[in-house]
C-alpha atoms as a PDB file:
ATOM      1  CA  MET A   1      22.676  23.167  32.047  1.00  0.00           C
ATOM      2  CA  ARG A   2      18.749  23.904  31.124  1.00  0.00           C
ATOM      3  CA  ARG A   3      17.027  20.951  29.442  1.00  0.00           C
ATOM      4  CA  LEU A   4      14.416  21.414  26.569  1.00  0.00           C
ATOM      5  CA  VAL A   5      11.807  18.601  26.345  1.00  0.00           C
ATOM      6  CA  VAL A   6      10.295  17.798  23.104  1.00  0.00           C
ATOM      7  CA  ALA A   7       6.738  16.453  22.955  1.00  0.00           C
ATOM      8  CA  ALA A   8       6.884  13.037  21.640  1.00  0.00           C
ATOM      9  CA  CYS A   9       4.769  12.960  18.449  1.00  0.00           C
ATOM     10  CA  CYS A  10       3.003   9.559  17.937  1.00  0.00           C
ATOM     11  CA  LEU A  11       3.229   8.941  14.206  1.00  0.00           C
ATOM     12  CA  LEU A  12      -0.346   8.581  12.803  1.00  0.00           C
ATOM     13  CA  VAL A  13      -1.542   6.187  10.178  1.00  0.00           C
ATOM     14  CA  LEU A  14      -3.509   8.856   8.755  1.00  0.00           C
ATOM     15  CA  SER A  15      -5.765   8.665  11.955  1.00  0.00           C
ATOM     16  CA  ALA A  16      -4.596   5.628  13.379  1.00  0.00           C
ATOM     17  CA  CYS A  17      -0.852   5.336  15.758  1.00  0.00           C
ATOM     18  CA  SER A  18       1.717   3.178  13.760  1.00  0.00           C
ATOM     19  CA  ARG A  19       4.785   1.937  14.946  1.00  0.00           C
ATOM     20  CA  PRO A  20       4.571   0.578  12.942  1.00  0.00           C
ATOM     21  CA  HIS A  21       8.031 -18.260   2.596  1.00  0.00           C
ATOM     22  CA  GLU A  22       7.638 -20.973   1.791  1.00  0.00           C
ATOM     23  CA  ARG A  23       9.060 -22.446  -1.452  1.00  0.00           C
ATOM     24  CA  SER A  24       6.441 -23.543  -3.788  1.00  0.00           C
ATOM     25  CA  ASP A  25       6.000 -25.030  -7.239  1.00  0.00           C
ATOM     26  CA  LEU A  26       5.159 -21.777  -8.731  1.00  0.00           C
ATOM     27  CA  SER A  27       6.925 -21.297 -12.160  1.00  0.00           C
ATOM     28  CA  VAL A  28       7.369 -18.035 -13.827  1.00  0.00           C
ATOM     29  CA  GLY A  29       4.686 -16.998 -16.377  1.00  0.00           C
ATOM     30  CA  LYS A  30       2.022 -17.738 -13.687  1.00  0.00           C
ATOM     31  CA  ASP A  31       0.206 -15.822 -11.314  1.00  0.00           C
ATOM     32  CA  ALA A  32       2.673 -14.388  -8.375  1.00  0.00           C
ATOM     33  CA  ALA A  33       1.079 -16.602  -5.533  1.00  0.00           C
ATOM     34  CA  ARG A  34      -2.221 -18.579  -5.078  1.00  0.00           C
ATOM     35  CA  THR A  35      -4.414 -17.974  -1.747  1.00  0.00           C
ATOM     36  CA  SER A  36      -3.401 -21.315  -0.448  1.00  0.00           C
ATOM     37  CA  GLU A  37       0.262 -20.345  -0.573  1.00  0.00           C
ATOM     38  CA  VAL A  38      -0.364 -16.789   0.961  1.00  0.00           C
ATOM     39  CA  ASN A  39      -1.900 -18.800   4.001  1.00  0.00           C
ATOM     40  CA  ARG A  40       1.379 -20.536   4.393  1.00  0.00           C
ATOM     41  CA  VAL A  41       3.457 -17.512   3.816  1.00  0.00           C
ATOM     42  CA  PHE A  42       1.525 -15.792   6.710  1.00  0.00           C
ATOM     43  CA  GLU A  43       1.977 -18.609   8.885  1.00  0.00           C
ATOM     44  CA  ARG A  44       5.370 -18.960   8.566  1.00  0.00           C
ATOM     45  CA  TYR A  45       5.851 -15.057   8.898  1.00  0.00           C
ATOM     46  CA  ARG A  46       4.201 -15.136  12.170  1.00  0.00           C
ATOM     47  CA  LEU A  47       6.277 -17.853  13.263  1.00  0.00           C
ATOM     48  CA  VAL A  48       9.510 -16.617  12.588  1.00  0.00           C
ATOM     49  CA  ARG A  49       8.036 -13.012  13.942  1.00  0.00           C
ATOM     50  CA  ASN A  50       7.158 -14.437  17.444  1.00  0.00           C
ATOM     51  CA  ALA A  51      10.117 -16.261  17.651  1.00  0.00           C
ATOM     52  CA  ALA A  52      12.194 -12.894  17.278  1.00  0.00           C
ATOM     53  CA  ILE A  53       9.793 -10.961  19.579  1.00  0.00           C
ATOM     54  CA  LYS A  54      10.648 -13.425  22.249  1.00  0.00           C
ATOM     55  CA  LEU A  55      14.208 -13.446  21.753  1.00  0.00           C
ATOM     56  CA  LEU A  56      13.807  -9.537  21.274  1.00  0.00           C
ATOM     57  CA  ASP A  57      16.273 -10.018  18.491  1.00  0.00           C
ATOM     58  CA  PRO A  58      15.764  -8.983  14.866  1.00  0.00           C
ATOM     59  CA  ARG A  59      17.935 -11.240  13.012  1.00  0.00           C
ATOM     60  CA  PRO A  60      15.265 -13.845  12.824  1.00  0.00           C
ATOM     61  CA  LEU A  61      13.270 -11.200  10.622  1.00  0.00           C
ATOM     62  CA  SER A  62      15.780 -11.243   7.993  1.00  0.00           C
ATOM     63  CA  THR A  63      14.645 -14.700   6.859  1.00  0.00           C
ATOM     64  CA  VAL A  64      10.735 -13.280   6.489  1.00  0.00           C
ATOM     65  CA  GLU A  65      11.328  -9.107   5.851  1.00  0.00           C
ATOM     66  CA  SER A  66      13.632  -6.954   3.918  1.00  0.00           C
ATOM     67  CA  ASP A  67      13.834  -3.426   2.750  1.00  0.00           C
ATOM     68  CA  ALA A  68      12.239  -0.537   4.826  1.00  0.00           C
ATOM     69  CA  VAL A  69       9.989  -3.258   6.849  1.00  0.00           C
ATOM     70  CA  PHE A  70      13.119  -4.828   8.354  1.00  0.00           C
ATOM     71  CA  ASP A  71      14.909  -1.346   9.028  1.00  0.00           C
ATOM     72  CA  ILE A  72      11.467   0.046  10.672  1.00  0.00           C
ATOM     73  CA  ASP A  73      10.942  -3.571  12.668  1.00  0.00           C
ATOM     74  CA  SER A  74      14.751  -3.680  13.576  1.00  0.00           C
ATOM     75  CA  GLY A  75      14.706   0.144  14.930  1.00  0.00           C
ATOM     76  CA  SER A  76      11.703  -0.887  17.425  1.00  0.00           C
ATOM     77  CA  PHE A  77      13.424  -3.898  18.419  1.00  0.00           C
ATOM     78  CA  GLU A  78      16.206  -1.629  19.335  1.00  0.00           C
ATOM     79  CA  VAL A  79      13.824   0.602  21.172  1.00  0.00           C
ATOM     80  CA  SER A  80      12.737  -2.186  23.239  1.00  0.00           C
ATOM     81  CA  GLN A  81      16.130  -3.352  24.005  1.00  0.00           C
ATOM     82  CA  ARG A  82      17.267  -0.131  25.049  1.00  0.00           C
ATOM     83  CA  LEU A  83      14.269   0.441  27.323  1.00  0.00           C
ATOM     84  CA  ALA A  84      13.918  -2.937  28.598  1.00  0.00           C
ATOM     85  CA  GLN A  85      10.507  -3.456  27.763  1.00  0.00           C
ATOM     86  CA  LYS A  86       8.839  -6.400  25.861  1.00  0.00           C
ATOM     87  CA  GLN A  87       7.016  -6.620  22.713  1.00  0.00           C
ATOM     88  CA  LYS A  88       3.810  -8.486  22.385  1.00  0.00           C
ATOM     89  CA  GLN A  89       3.285 -11.429  20.187  1.00  0.00           C
ATOM     90  CA  ASP A  90       0.802 -11.644  17.594  1.00  0.00           C
ATOM     91  CA  THR A  91      -1.625 -14.946  18.388  1.00  0.00           C
ATOM     92  CA  SER A  92      -5.014 -13.240  17.286  1.00  0.00           C
ATOM     93  CA  ALA A  93      -6.374 -14.908  14.039  1.00  0.00           C
ATOM     94  CA  ILE A  94      -4.772 -14.088  10.490  1.00  0.00           C
ATOM     95  CA  ASP A  95      -7.369 -12.276   8.808  1.00  0.00           C
ATOM     96  CA  VAL A  96      -6.608 -11.876   5.028  1.00  0.00           C
ATOM     97  CA  THR A  97      -9.480 -10.023   3.468  1.00  0.00           C
ATOM     98  CA  LYS A  98      -7.877  -9.716  -0.102  1.00  0.00           C
ATOM     99  CA  VAL A  99      -4.918 -11.249  -2.281  1.00  0.00           C
ATOM    100  CA  VAL A 100      -4.097  -9.518  -5.400  1.00  0.00           C
ATOM    101  CA  THR A 101      -1.667 -11.588  -7.541  1.00  0.00           C
ATOM    102  CA  PRO A 102      -0.053  -9.863 -10.768  1.00  0.00           C
ATOM    103  CA  HIS A 103       1.073 -12.014 -13.739  1.00  0.00           C
ATOM    104  CA  PHE A 104       4.938 -11.530 -14.608  1.00  0.00           C
ATOM    105  CA  SER A 105       6.801 -13.237 -17.003  1.00  0.00           C
ATOM    106  CA  LYS A 106      10.148 -13.201 -14.954  1.00  0.00           C
ATOM    107  CA  TYR A 107      11.366 -12.783 -11.568  1.00  0.00           C
ATOM    108  CA  PRO A 108      11.212 -11.232  -8.777  1.00  0.00           C
ATOM    109  CA  LEU A 109       7.450 -11.993  -8.393  1.00  0.00           C
ATOM    110  CA  TRP A 110       5.542 -10.044  -5.915  1.00  0.00           C
ATOM    111  CA  PHE A 111       1.607 -10.195  -4.400  1.00  0.00           C
ATOM    112  CA  LEU A 112      -0.518  -7.864  -2.356  1.00  0.00           C
ATOM    113  CA  ALA A 113      -2.440  -9.088   0.579  1.00  0.00           C
ATOM    114  CA  VAL A 114      -4.884  -7.093   2.985  1.00  0.00           C
ATOM    115  CA  VAL A 115      -4.522  -7.829   6.416  1.00  0.00           C
ATOM    116  CA  ARG A 116      -7.128  -6.638   9.001  1.00  0.00           C
ATOM    117  CA  ASP A 117      -6.017  -5.724  12.213  1.00  0.00           C
ATOM    118  CA  GLN A 118      -9.277  -5.862  14.171  1.00  0.00           C
ATOM    119  CA  ALA A 119      -7.685  -4.827  17.537  1.00  0.00           C
ATOM    120  CA  LYS A 120      -5.918  -1.805  16.314  1.00  0.00           C
ATOM    121  CA  GLY A 121      -8.498  -1.012  13.665  1.00  0.00           C
ATOM    122  CA  VAL A 122      -6.216  -0.968  10.721  1.00  0.00           C
ATOM    123  CA  ASN A 123      -5.910  -2.745   7.534  1.00  0.00           C
ATOM    124  CA  ARG A 124      -2.069  -3.327   6.723  1.00  0.00           C
ATOM    125  CA  ILE A 125      -1.689  -3.253   2.780  1.00  0.00           C
ATOM    126  CA  GLN A 126       1.464  -5.645   2.322  1.00  0.00           C
ATOM    127  CA  ILE A 127       3.671  -6.703  -0.244  1.00  0.00           C
ATOM    128  CA  PHE A 128       5.362  -9.659  -0.544  1.00  0.00           C
ATOM    129  CA  GLU A 129       8.484 -10.338  -3.030  1.00  0.00           C
ATOM    130  CA  ARG A 130      10.186 -13.350  -3.793  1.00  0.00           C
ATOM    131  CA  ALA A 131      13.511 -12.741  -5.828  1.00  0.00           C
ATOM    132  CA  GLN A 132      13.917 -16.219  -7.349  1.00  0.00           C
ATOM    133  CA  ALA A 133      12.294 -19.612  -7.606  1.00  0.00           C
ATOM    134  CA  ALA A 134      14.499 -20.893  -4.560  1.00  0.00           C
ATOM    135  CA  ASP A 135      14.136 -17.617  -2.300  1.00  0.00           C
ATOM    136  CA  PRO A 136      11.560 -17.336   0.357  1.00  0.00           C
ATOM    137  CA  TRP A 137       8.751 -14.739  -0.103  1.00  0.00           C
ATOM    138  CA  LEU A 138      10.025 -11.703   2.108  1.00  0.00           C
ATOM    139  CA  LEU A 139       7.450  -8.740   3.374  1.00  0.00           C
ATOM    140  CA  VAL A 140       8.665  -5.429   1.942  1.00  0.00           C
ATOM    141  CA  ALA A 141       5.921  -3.498   2.401  1.00  0.00           C
ATOM    142  CA  SER A 142       3.459  -2.784   5.003  1.00  0.00           C
ATOM    143  CA  PRO A 143       1.887   0.686   5.512  1.00  0.00           C
ATOM    144  CA  GLU A 144      -1.424   0.767   7.667  1.00  0.00           C
ATOM    145  CA  THR A 145      -4.740   2.268   6.801  1.00  0.00           C
ATOM    146  CA  VAL A 146      -7.598   3.013   8.853  1.00  0.00           C
ATOM    147  CA  ALA A 147     -10.401   0.455   8.821  1.00  0.00           C
ATOM    148  CA  GLU A 148     -12.936   2.917   7.505  1.00  0.00           C
ATOM    149  CA  ILE A 149     -10.435   3.809   4.124  1.00  0.00           C
ATOM    150  CA  ASN A 150     -11.307   1.337   0.982  1.00  0.00           C
ATOM    151  CA  LEU A 151      -8.411   1.127  -1.270  1.00  0.00           C
ATOM    152  CA  PRO A 152      -9.302   2.204  -4.925  1.00  0.00           C
ATOM    153  CA  GLU A 153     -10.791  -0.268  -6.910  1.00  0.00           C
ATOM    154  CA  LEU A 154      -7.685  -2.158  -9.033  1.00  0.00           C
ATOM    155  CA  ARG A 155      -7.675  -2.517 -12.786  1.00  0.00           C
ATOM    156  CA  SER A 156      -7.659  -5.983 -14.016  1.00  0.00           C
ATOM    157  CA  THR A 157      -7.661  -8.152 -17.180  1.00  0.00           C
ATOM    158  CA  GLY A 158      -9.760 -11.543 -16.417  1.00  0.00           C
ATOM    159  CA  SER A 159      -8.259 -12.177 -12.556  1.00  0.00           C
ATOM    160  CA  LYS A 160      -5.196 -10.889 -12.982  1.00  0.00           C
ATOM    161  CA  VAL A 161      -4.411  -7.117 -11.998  1.00  0.00           C
ATOM    162  CA  MET A 162      -1.785  -4.916 -13.753  1.00  0.00           C
ATOM    163  CA  PRO A 163       1.351  -3.703 -12.401  1.00  0.00           C
ATOM    164  CA  VAL A 164       2.873  -0.096 -13.521  1.00  0.00           C
ATOM    165  CA  SER A 165       6.332   0.964 -14.475  1.00  0.00           C
ATOM    166  CA  PRO A 166       7.192   3.346 -11.524  1.00  0.00           C
ATOM    167  CA  GLY A 167       8.209   5.839 -14.590  1.00  0.00           C
ATOM    168  CA  ASN A 168       4.806   5.290 -16.400  1.00  0.00           C
ATOM    169  CA  GLY A 169       2.812   8.415 -16.156  1.00  0.00           C
ATOM    170  CA  LYS A 170       0.180   7.802 -18.928  1.00  0.00           C
ATOM    171  CA  GLY A 171      -3.286   8.540 -17.880  1.00  0.00           C
ATOM    172  CA  MET A 172      -2.082  10.229 -14.548  1.00  0.00           C
ATOM    173  CA  ALA A 173      -1.128  13.990 -13.757  1.00  0.00           C
ATOM    174  CA  MET A 174       2.733  12.260 -13.282  1.00  0.00           C
ATOM    175  CA  SER A 175       4.229   9.048 -13.009  1.00  0.00           C
ATOM    176  CA  ALA A 176       4.507   7.028  -9.546  1.00  0.00           C
ATOM    177  CA  GLN A 177       8.511   7.916  -9.357  1.00  0.00           C
ATOM    178  CA  ALA A 178       7.679  11.849  -9.798  1.00  0.00           C
ATOM    179  CA  ALA A 179       4.950  11.624  -7.118  1.00  0.00           C
ATOM    180  CA  ALA A 180       7.307  10.144  -4.694  1.00  0.00           C
ATOM    181  CA  THR A 181       9.635  12.705  -5.279  1.00  0.00           C
ATOM    182  CA  ALA A 182       7.522  15.719  -5.128  1.00  0.00           C
ATOM    183  CA  TYR A 183       5.784  14.213  -2.206  1.00  0.00           C
ATOM    184  CA  ALA A 184       9.354  14.212  -0.448  1.00  0.00           C
ATOM    185  CA  THR A 185      10.070  17.801  -1.420  1.00  0.00           C
ATOM    186  CA  THR A 186       6.530  18.997   0.026  1.00  0.00           C
ATOM    187  CA  LEU A 187       7.138  17.337   2.919  1.00  0.00           C
ATOM    188  CA  GLY A 188      10.569  19.141   3.237  1.00  0.00           C
ATOM    189  CA  ASN A 189       9.468  22.542   2.230  1.00  0.00           C
ATOM    190  CA  ALA A 190       5.734  23.684   2.363  1.00  0.00           C
ATOM    191  CA  ASN A 191       6.620  26.616  -0.188  1.00  0.00           C
ATOM    192  CA  ALA A 192       7.957  24.374  -3.085  1.00  0.00           C
ATOM    193  CA  PRO A 193       6.431  24.628  -6.329  1.00  0.00           C
ATOM    194  CA  GLU A 194       5.678  20.947  -5.932  1.00  0.00           C
ATOM    195  CA  ALA A 195       3.637  21.418  -3.217  1.00  0.00           C
ATOM    196  CA  ASP A 196       0.756  22.399  -5.493  1.00  0.00           C
ATOM    197  CA  THR A 197       1.119  19.103  -7.456  1.00  0.00           C
ATOM    198  CA  VAL A 198       0.058  16.793  -4.422  1.00  0.00           C
ATOM    199  CA  VAL A 199      -2.850  16.775  -1.724  1.00  0.00           C
ATOM    200  CA  ASN A 200      -2.311  18.511   1.591  1.00  0.00           C
ATOM    201  CA  ASP A 201      -3.227  15.179   3.276  1.00  0.00           C
ATOM    202  CA  SER A 202      -3.315  14.256   7.010  1.00  0.00           C
ATOM    203  CA  PHE A 203       0.232  12.660   6.921  1.00  0.00           C
ATOM    204  CA  ILE A 204       1.639  15.889   5.427  1.00  0.00           C
ATOM    205  CA  ARG A 205      -0.224  18.116   8.368  1.00  0.00           C
ATOM    206  CA  GLN A 206       0.789  15.740  11.174  1.00  0.00           C
ATOM    207  CA  MET A 207       4.524  15.747  10.022  1.00  0.00           C
ATOM    208  CA  ARG A 208       4.538  19.683   9.744  1.00  0.00           C
ATOM    209  CA  ALA A 209       2.798  19.941  13.079  1.00  0.00           C
ATOM    210  CA  ALA A 210       5.645  17.566  14.522  1.00  0.00           C
ATOM    211  CA  ALA A 211       8.649  19.676  12.734  1.00  0.00           C
ATOM    212  CA  ALA A 212       6.974  23.074  13.971  1.00  0.00           C
ATOM    213  CA  ALA A 213       7.146  21.675  17.592  1.00  0.00           C
ATOM    214  CA  SER A 214      10.659  21.319  17.212  1.00  0.00           C
ATOM    215  CA  THR A 215      11.298  24.525  15.227  1.00  0.00           C
ATOM    216  CA  GLY A 216       9.875  26.538  17.974  1.00  0.00           C
ATOM    217  CA  LEU A 217      12.119  25.429  21.089  1.00  0.00           C
ATOM    218  CA  THR A 218      14.375  28.017  22.174  1.00  0.00           C
ATOM    219  CA  GLY A 219      17.888  28.133  21.536  1.00  0.00           C
ATOM    220  CA  VAL A 220      17.705  25.144  19.009  1.00  0.00           C
ATOM    221  CA  LYS A 221      18.099  25.463  15.003  1.00  0.00           C
ATOM    222  CA  PHE A 222      16.349  22.725  13.736  1.00  0.00           C
ATOM    223  CA  ALA A 223      15.831  21.201  10.239  1.00  0.00           C
ATOM    224  CA  GLN A 224      14.220  18.414   8.408  1.00  0.00           C
ATOM    225  CA  ARG A 225      15.204  16.966   5.195  1.00  0.00           C
ATOM    226  CA  TRP A 226      13.194  14.240   3.150  1.00  0.00           C
ATOM    227  CA  THR A 227      14.050  12.154   0.322  1.00  0.00           C
ATOM    228  CA  ALA A 228      12.678   9.106  -1.709  1.00  0.00           C
ATOM    229  CA  GLU A 229      13.951   5.801  -2.436  1.00  0.00           C
ATOM    230  CA  ASP A 230      12.972   4.593  -6.026  1.00  0.00           C
ATOM    231  CA  VAL A 231       9.622   3.160  -6.283  1.00  0.00           C
ATOM    232  CA  ARG A 232       9.146  -0.525  -7.097  1.00  0.00           C
ATOM    233  CA  PHE A 233       5.643  -1.562  -6.393  1.00  0.00           C
ATOM    234  CA  VAL A 234       2.874  -0.003  -8.152  1.00  0.00           C
ATOM    235  CA  LEU A 235      -0.758  -1.255  -9.511  1.00  0.00           C
ATOM    236  CA  ARG A 236      -2.950   0.251 -12.038  1.00  0.00           C
ATOM    237  CA  THR A 237      -6.249   1.164 -10.643  1.00  0.00           C
ATOM    238  CA  ALA A 238      -9.815   1.058 -12.508  1.00  0.00           C
ATOM    239  CA  ASP A 239     -10.032   4.434 -12.783  1.00  0.00           C
ATOM    240  CA  GLY A 240      -6.557   4.980 -15.023  1.00  0.00           C
ATOM    241  CA  GLY A 241      -4.681   5.990 -12.121  1.00  0.00           C
ATOM    242  CA  ALA A 242      -2.390   4.154  -9.727  1.00  0.00           C
ATOM    243  CA  LEU A 243      -1.422   2.850  -6.292  1.00  0.00           C
ATOM    244  CA  ALA A 244       2.083   3.129  -5.468  1.00  0.00           C
ATOM    245  CA  PHE A 245       4.204   1.798  -2.408  1.00  0.00           C
ATOM    246  CA  VAL A 246       6.766   5.094  -1.550  1.00  0.00           C
ATOM    247  CA  THR A 247       9.757   4.566   0.962  1.00  0.00           C
ATOM    248  CA  LEU A 248      10.339   8.020   2.488  1.00  0.00           C
ATOM    249  CA  LEU A 249      13.709   9.271   4.333  1.00  0.00           C
ATOM    250  CA  ARG A 250      13.429  11.531   7.057  1.00  0.00           C
ATOM    251  CA  TYR A 251      16.537  13.266   8.600  1.00  0.00           C
ATOM    252  CA  ASP A 252      15.492  15.333  11.689  1.00  0.00           C
ATOM    253  CA  THR A 253      18.647  17.476  12.708  1.00  0.00           C
ATOM    254  CA  TYR A 254      19.171  19.621  15.833  1.00  0.00           C
ATOM    255  CA  LYS A 255      21.752  22.286  16.467  1.00  0.00           C
ATOM    256  CA  VAL A 256      21.543  23.164  20.036  1.00  0.00           C
ATOM    257  CA  LYS A 257      22.770  26.476  21.932  1.00  0.00           C
ATOM    258  CA  SER A 258      25.591  25.999  24.190  1.00  0.00           C
ATOM    259  CA  GLY A 259      24.236  25.420  27.685  1.00  0.00           C
ATOM    260  CA  LEU A 260      21.216  23.915  26.533  1.00  0.00           C
ATOM    261  CA  THR A 261      19.924  20.190  25.956  1.00  0.00           C
ATOM    262  CA  VAL A 262      17.306  18.783  23.887  1.00  0.00           C
ATOM    263  CA  SER A 263      15.505  15.846  25.255  1.00  0.00           C
ATOM    264  CA  TRP A 264      12.608  13.548  24.850  1.00  0.00           C
ATOM    265  CA  PRO A 265       9.870  12.127  27.285  1.00  0.00           C
ATOM    266  CA  GLU A 266      11.008   8.864  28.936  1.00  0.00           C
ATOM    267  CA  GLY A 267      10.119   5.763  26.977  1.00  0.00           C
ATOM    268  CA  THR A 268       9.784   7.506  23.510  1.00  0.00           C
ATOM    269  CA  PRO A 269      11.823   5.793  20.639  1.00  0.00           C
ATOM    270  CA  GLN A 270      13.845   9.262  20.154  1.00  0.00           C
ATOM    271  CA  GLN A 271      14.927   8.677  23.972  1.00  0.00           C
ATOM    272  CA  ALA A 272      15.835   5.293  23.604  1.00  0.00           C
ATOM    273  CA  PHE A 273      18.298   6.452  20.869  1.00  0.00           C
ATOM    274  CA  LEU A 274      19.068   9.472  22.418  1.00  0.00           C
ATOM    275  CA  SER A 275      19.266   8.646  25.929  1.00  0.00           C
ATOM    276  CA  THR A 276      21.317  11.628  26.967  1.00  0.00           C
ATOM    277  CA  GLY A 277      19.848  14.030  24.716  1.00  0.00           C
ATOM    278  CA  ILE A 278      21.399  16.312  22.517  1.00  0.00           C
ATOM    279  CA  SER A 279      23.666  19.220  23.842  1.00  0.00           C
ATOM    280  CA  GLY A 280      25.696  19.904  20.368  1.00  0.00           C
ATOM    281  CA  SER A 281      24.224  18.646  17.613  1.00  0.00           C
ATOM    282  CA  GLY A 282      22.460  15.387  16.590  1.00  0.00           C
ATOM    283  CA  THR A 283      20.150  13.771  13.946  1.00  0.00           C
ATOM    284  CA  LEU A 284      17.304  11.224  14.354  1.00  0.00           C
ATOM    285  CA  GLN A 285      16.586   9.134  11.418  1.00  0.00           C
ATOM    286  CA  TYR A 286      13.452   7.726  10.082  1.00  0.00           C
ATOM    287  CA  LYS A 287      11.862   5.815   7.580  1.00  0.00           C
ATOM    288  CA  HIS A 288       7.959   5.912   6.376  1.00  0.00           C
ATOM    289  CA  GLN A 289       6.364   3.580   3.867  1.00  0.00           C
ATOM    290  CA  VAL A 290       3.555   5.565   2.459  1.00  0.00           C
ATOM    291  CA  LEU A 291       0.481   4.362   0.384  1.00  0.00           C
ATOM    292  CA  LEU A 292       0.140   7.160  -2.375  1.00  0.00           C
ATOM    293  CA  HIS A 293      -2.954   7.063  -4.566  1.00  0.00           C
ATOM    294  CA  LEU A 294      -2.321   8.771  -7.991  1.00  0.00           C
ATOM    295  CA  PRO A 295      -5.919   9.195  -9.310  1.00  0.00           C
ATOM    296  CA  GLY A 296      -6.658   9.103 -12.952  1.00  0.00           C
ATOM    297  CA  GLY A 297      -6.755  12.114 -15.020  1.00  0.00           C
ATOM    298  CA  ASN A 298      -5.205  15.225 -13.413  1.00  0.00           C
ATOM    299  CA  GLY A 299      -5.998  14.526  -9.895  1.00  0.00           C
ATOM    300  CA  LYS A 300      -3.193  15.132  -7.166  1.00  0.00           C
ATOM    301  CA  PRO A 301      -1.376  11.994  -5.402  1.00  0.00           C
ATOM    302  CA  ARG A 302      -2.460  11.676  -1.933  1.00  0.00           C
ATOM    303  CA  ALA A 303      -1.900   9.183   1.067  1.00  0.00           C
ATOM    304  CA  ILE A 304      -4.066   6.742   2.074  1.00  0.00           C
ATOM    305  CA  GLY A 305      -1.609   5.297   4.623  1.00  0.00           C
ATOM    306  CA  GLN A 306       1.673   4.905   6.259  1.00  0.00           C
ATOM    307  CA  TYR A 307       4.141   2.874   8.470  1.00  0.00           C
ATOM    308  CA  GLY A 308       6.995   3.916  10.114  1.00  0.00           C
ATOM    309  CA  GLY A 309       9.451   4.716  12.888  1.00  0.00           C
ATOM    310  CA  VAL A 310      13.027   5.681  13.823  1.00  0.00           C
ATOM    311  CA  VAL A 311      15.551   3.633  12.728  1.00  0.00           C
ATOM    312  CA  GLY A 312      18.821   5.181  13.725  1.00  0.00           C
ATOM    313  CA  ALA A 313      20.477   8.222  15.366  1.00  0.00           C
ATOM    314  CA  VAL A 314      23.617  10.116  15.305  1.00  0.00           C
ATOM    315  CA  ASN A 315      24.608  12.255  18.338  1.00  0.00           C
ATOM    316  CA  GLN A 316      27.974  14.708  17.944  1.00  0.00           C
END
């Protein structure tokens, strides 16, 4: 049986490699969080995450993470378990460079924090959400940008920034939800009409390059499908546009000719999930959190950061 090895493509955060609470006396009708509380949130988050890393068990993370962040991190833990690898605990200083606290009249509450990772040269643009007053703050979004990229200035009234409904496209070429759908469609089909409505940015080019490598395998029929989840977190930018946190689901399916096997290099996440390769058909499942900037006016949406990884696989 002949074995075809797929070159492992490191998922980049545009130009950087990615892997990727406490109770308080806050009441509804106030800012989502204060700086002092944000510090406690991060201290608890790191404590729990480092405990999970020590155990190599994602279950403790469910008390500080949710949604796609938890799925992506759980996938990385499963990779480490299958490859008998250890993950490094985070002991560096917590460098929160910016905290943005929208004003809400009802739960859920959420806030944005920018965290600098000096070692990796990236900024993590993170969203923490609290569903009810008695619930903990959970990390629900964490796309990364290279340190050189500045976030667009956010529009504010006094000290309060302005959330935007995902379906509200006022002042922009489209709404955040429409942009997420168009972006996912473009990733799945470069010839789709939607491809003309978004910027052909670094993330799109990287994903297409990775797909092209798989498409070029002899004796293999490769297909890639992208879908966008419902958008939940959007902030108005000073230019009348928006900053949107978008979660994309990606499915890479391989149908392999009889007598062949597709495999991945030793130690890669793909190899961890599909250790024996694919000799019939199989699908790798990914999640990507993409930070989209929708300029005001007729400007096209573009990705300025991302965070993602393999979250599952099916081998038939």
